[in-house]
Amino acid sequence: MSDRPISPAPAVDRISIIATLNDALRQNLTQPGHNRVVMTLGVQDLIGDVSLFRNFHARAELLRAIRDYDEFGVDVDPHGERDFGRFTFCDAALYWKIDYYDRAIDFGSPDPADPQVTTRVLTILLTSEY
């Protein structure tokens, strides 16, 4: 066994891993596993009551817009992590943002590239709520 310390993955590899994990969350918004998807009160008001399947289609359309989002450029994704998006829904300007927490969601993640120690939280919000 070598006494050499294990060196961390190069930054480009880490960014690629984080982007892939973020894309996986967006592709599985209705079944995020240990990750979370939340929306602000403003977004909830925008789509309306979804109980008893009222406005269920609006919520599904909103989640599809985030799932299918592909407008990543340097203005919205300067670090290449694919953790932020800006879009229009029902004539309103919205953001979605992924933040990285530890598994207990008490503190920031010690390593966003490691899904074993990270809980991703995707928040959907009106731009006016930022």
C-alpha atoms as a PDB file:
ATOM      1  CA  MET A   1       0.000   0.000   0.000  1.00  0.00           C
ATOM      2  CA  SER A   2       1.309   3.395  -0.974  1.00  0.00           C
ATOM      3  CA  ASP A   3       1.879   6.176   1.539  1.00  0.00           C
ATOM      4  CA  ARG A   4       1.173   8.783  -1.090  1.00  0.00           C
ATOM      5  CA  PRO A   5      -1.883  10.922  -0.365  1.00  0.00           C
ATOM      6  CA  ILE A   6      -4.793  10.526  -2.747  1.00  0.00           C
ATOM      7  CA  SER A   7      -5.015  13.645  -4.860  1.00  0.00           C
ATOM      8  CA  PRO A   8      -8.428  15.131  -5.603  1.00  0.00           C
ATOM      9  CA  ALA A   9      -9.862  14.924  -9.098  1.00  0.00           C
ATOM     10  CA  PRO A  10      -8.821  17.763 -11.396  1.00  0.00           C
ATOM     11  CA  ALA A  11     -11.177  20.758 -11.322  1.00  0.00           C
ATOM     12  CA  VAL A  12     -12.511  20.036 -14.820  1.00  0.00           C
ATOM     13  CA  ASP A  13     -13.457  16.490 -13.806  1.00  0.00           C
ATOM     14  CA  ARG A  14     -15.136  17.752 -10.609  1.00  0.00           C
ATOM     15  CA  ILE A  15     -17.169  20.303 -12.563  1.00  0.00           C
ATOM     16  CA  SER A  16     -18.236  17.615 -15.019  1.00  0.00           C
ATOM     17  CA  ILE A  17     -19.286  15.304 -12.182  1.00  0.00           C
ATOM     18  CA  ILE A  18     -21.255  18.076 -10.469  1.00  0.00           C
ATOM     19  CA  ALA A  19     -22.960  19.035 -13.753  1.00  0.00           C
ATOM     20  CA  THR A  20     -23.909  15.395 -14.376  1.00  0.00           C
ATOM     21  CA  LEU A  21     -25.360  15.056 -10.857  1.00  0.00           C
ATOM     22  CA  ASN A  22     -27.303  18.313 -11.292  1.00  0.00           C
ATOM     23  CA  ASP A  23     -28.681  17.138 -14.637  1.00  0.00           C
ATOM     24  CA  ALA A  24     -29.717  13.845 -13.013  1.00  0.00           C
ATOM     25  CA  LEU A  25     -31.716  15.745 -10.391  1.00  0.00           C
ATOM     26  CA  ARG A  26     -33.447  17.824 -13.067  1.00  0.00           C
ATOM     27  CA  GLN A  27     -34.287  14.655 -15.005  1.00  0.00           C
ATOM     28  CA  ASN A  28     -35.894  13.131 -11.886  1.00  0.00           C
ATOM     29  CA  LEU A  29     -37.758  16.045 -10.308  1.00  0.00           C
ATOM     30  CA  THR A  30     -40.740  13.952  -9.235  1.00  0.00           C
ATOM     31  CA  GLN A  31     -38.528  11.225  -7.735  1.00  0.00           C
ATOM     32  CA  PRO A  32     -35.430  13.017  -6.476  1.00  0.00           C
ATOM     33  CA  GLY A  33     -34.319  10.297  -4.050  1.00  0.00           C
ATOM     34  CA  HIS A  34     -32.540  11.917  -1.089  1.00  0.00           C
ATOM     35  CA  ASN A  35     -32.407  15.236  -2.961  1.00  0.00           C
ATOM     36  CA  ARG A  36     -35.180  17.825  -2.655  1.00  0.00           C
ATOM     37  CA  VAL A  37     -37.255  20.030  -4.952  1.00  0.00           C
ATOM     38  CA  VAL A  38     -38.980  23.057  -3.428  1.00  0.00           C
ATOM     39  CA  MET A  39     -40.855  26.053  -4.753  1.00  0.00           C
ATOM     40  CA  THR A  40     -41.520  29.413  -3.187  1.00  0.00           C
ATOM     41  CA  LEU A  41     -44.953  30.711  -2.226  1.00  0.00           C
ATOM     42  CA  GLY A  42     -44.863  33.002  -5.259  1.00  0.00           C
ATOM     43  CA  VAL A  43     -44.448  30.055  -7.610  1.00  0.00           C
ATOM     44  CA  GLN A  44     -47.147  28.125  -5.765  1.00  0.00           C
ATOM     45  CA  ASP A  45     -49.501  31.077  -6.239  1.00  0.00           C
ATOM     46  CA  LEU A  46     -48.553  31.241  -9.915  1.00  0.00           C
ATOM     47  CA  ILE A  47     -49.521  27.638 -10.630  1.00  0.00           C
ATOM     48  CA  GLY A  48     -52.442  27.572  -8.203  1.00  0.00           C
ATOM     49  CA  ASP A  49     -53.898  24.845  -6.036  1.00  0.00           C
ATOM     50  CA  VAL A  50     -52.719  21.395  -7.129  1.00  0.00           C
ATOM     51  CA  SER A  51     -54.733  19.442  -4.577  1.00  0.00           C
ATOM     52  CA  LEU A  52     -57.289  17.053  -6.012  1.00  0.00           C
ATOM     53  CA  PHE A  53     -55.478  17.443  -9.358  1.00  0.00           C
ATOM     54  CA  ARG A  54     -56.549  21.075  -9.795  1.00  0.00           C
ATOM     55  CA  ASN A  55     -53.870  22.851 -11.845  1.00  0.00           C
ATOM     56  CA  PHE A  56     -51.904  19.603 -11.917  1.00  0.00           C
ATOM     57  CA  HIS A  57     -51.127  20.257 -15.591  1.00  0.00           C
ATOM     58  CA  ALA A  58     -49.594  23.643 -14.765  1.00  0.00           C
ATOM     59  CA  ARG A  59     -47.287  22.054 -12.196  1.00  0.00           C
ATOM     60  CA  ALA A  60     -46.332  19.283 -14.624  1.00  0.00           C
ATOM     61  CA  GLU A  61     -45.598  21.877 -17.320  1.00  0.00           C
ATOM     62  CA  LEU A  62     -43.417  23.841 -14.901  1.00  0.00           C
ATOM     63  CA  LEU A  63     -41.404  20.741 -13.976  1.00  0.00           C
ATOM     64  CA  ARG A  64     -41.009  19.819 -17.662  1.00  0.00           C
ATOM     65  CA  ALA A  65     -39.645  23.309 -18.375  1.00  0.00           C
ATOM     66  CA  ILE A  66     -36.941  22.778 -15.743  1.00  0.00           C
ATOM     67  CA  ARG A  67     -36.260  19.190 -16.804  1.00  0.00           C
ATOM     68  CA  ASP A  68     -35.826  20.239 -20.451  1.00  0.00           C
ATOM     69  CA  TYR A  69     -33.907  23.447 -19.751  1.00  0.00           C
ATOM     70  CA  ASP A  70     -30.826  23.673 -21.966  1.00  0.00           C
ATOM     71  CA  GLU A  71     -29.995  27.366 -22.225  1.00  0.00           C
ATOM     72  CA  PHE A  72     -26.753  27.110 -20.303  1.00  0.00           C
ATOM     73  CA  GLY A  73     -24.321  29.812 -21.244  1.00  0.00           C
ATOM     74  CA  VAL A  74     -21.708  31.890 -19.478  1.00  0.00           C
ATOM     75  CA  ASP A  75     -24.336  34.413 -18.390  1.00  0.00           C
ATOM     76  CA  VAL A  76     -26.336  31.832 -16.364  1.00  0.00           C
ATOM     77  CA  ASP A  77     -23.757  29.066 -15.883  1.00  0.00           C
ATOM     78  CA  PRO A  78     -20.314  30.672 -15.593  1.00  0.00           C
ATOM     79  CA  HIS A  79     -18.813  27.734 -13.660  1.00  0.00           C
ATOM     80  CA  GLY A  80     -20.254  24.966 -15.855  1.00  0.00           C
ATOM     81  CA  GLU A  81     -22.066  23.199 -13.007  1.00  0.00           C
ATOM     82  CA  ARG A  82     -25.525  23.494 -14.615  1.00  0.00           C
ATOM     83  CA  ASP A  83     -26.933  24.604 -11.264  1.00  0.00           C
ATOM     84  CA  PHE A  84     -28.994  27.623 -12.327  1.00  0.00           C
ATOM     85  CA  GLY A  85     -31.566  28.520 -14.940  1.00  0.00           C
ATOM     86  CA  ARG A  86     -33.663  31.505 -15.914  1.00  0.00           C
ATOM     87  CA  PHE A  87     -36.896  31.036 -17.866  1.00  0.00           C
ATOM     88  CA  THR A  88     -40.418  32.332 -18.455  1.00  0.00           C
ATOM     89  CA  PHE A  89     -43.504  30.440 -17.326  1.00  0.00           C
ATOM     90  CA  CYS A  90     -47.102  31.729 -17.481  1.00  0.00           C
ATOM     91  CA  ASP A  91     -45.722  35.156 -18.484  1.00  0.00           C
ATOM     92  CA  ALA A  92     -43.647  35.305 -15.291  1.00  0.00           C
ATOM     93  CA  ALA A  93     -39.854  35.343 -15.009  1.00  0.00           C
ATOM     94  CA  LEU A  94     -38.540  32.447 -12.911  1.00  0.00           C
ATOM     95  CA  TYR A  95     -35.251  31.015 -11.705  1.00  0.00           C
ATOM     96  CA  TRP A  96     -34.341  27.523 -10.621  1.00  0.00           C
ATOM     97  CA  LYS A  97     -31.244  27.038  -8.506  1.00  0.00           C
ATOM     98  CA  ILE A  98     -29.498  23.976  -7.107  1.00  0.00           C
ATOM     99  CA  ASP A  99     -27.692  24.318  -3.786  1.00  0.00           C
ATOM    100  CA  TYR A 100     -25.487  21.703  -2.123  1.00  0.00           C
ATOM    101  CA  TYR A 101     -26.016  20.640   1.497  1.00  0.00           C
ATOM    102  CA  ASP A 102     -24.720  17.899   3.716  1.00  0.00           C
ATOM    103  CA  ARG A 103     -26.953  14.816   3.988  1.00  0.00           C
ATOM    104  CA  ALA A 104     -28.767  16.183   7.060  1.00  0.00           C
ATOM    105  CA  ILE A 105     -29.408  19.505   5.261  1.00  0.00           C
ATOM    106  CA  ASP A 106     -27.849  21.338   8.203  1.00  0.00           C
ATOM    107  CA  PHE A 107     -24.731  22.736   6.519  1.00  0.00           C
ATOM    108  CA  GLY A 108     -23.143  23.094   3.118  1.00  0.00           C
ATOM    109  CA  SER A 109     -21.885  19.939   1.466  1.00  0.00           C
ATOM    110  CA  PRO A 110     -18.271  19.030   2.145  1.00  0.00           C
ATOM    111  CA  ASP A 111     -17.988  17.842  -1.480  1.00  0.00           C
ATOM    112  CA  PRO A 112     -20.738  18.588  -4.059  1.00  0.00           C
ATOM    113  CA  ALA A 113     -19.107  16.084  -6.432  1.00  0.00           C
ATOM    114  CA  ASP A 114     -19.788  13.244  -3.982  1.00  0.00           C
ATOM    115  CA  PRO A 115     -23.457  12.167  -3.905  1.00  0.00           C
ATOM    116  CA  GLN A 116     -22.800  10.081  -0.777  1.00  0.00           C
ATOM    117  CA  VAL A 117     -22.251  13.235   1.294  1.00  0.00           C
ATOM    118  CA  THR A 118     -24.448  15.702  -0.600  1.00  0.00           C
ATOM    119  CA  THR A 119     -28.143  16.509  -0.726  1.00  0.00           C
ATOM    120  CA  ARG A 120     -29.036  18.694  -3.671  1.00  0.00           C
ATOM    121  CA  VAL A 121     -31.919  21.135  -3.178  1.00  0.00           C
ATOM    122  CA  LEU A 122     -33.456  22.565  -6.322  1.00  0.00           C
ATOM    123  CA  THR A 123     -35.463  25.711  -5.566  1.00  0.00           C
ATOM    124  CA  ILE A 124     -37.946  27.183  -8.040  1.00  0.00           C
ATOM    125  CA  LEU A 125     -38.629  30.886  -7.491  1.00  0.00           C
ATOM    126  CA  LEU A 126     -39.898  34.034  -9.130  1.00  0.00           C
ATOM    127  CA  THR A 127     -37.070  36.384 -10.085  1.00  0.00           C
ATOM    128  CA  SER A 128     -38.719  39.021  -7.860  1.00  0.00           C
ATOM    129  CA  GLU A 129     -38.262  36.685  -4.874  1.00  0.00           C
ATOM    130  CA  TYR A 130     -34.485  36.425  -5.299  1.00  0.00           C
END
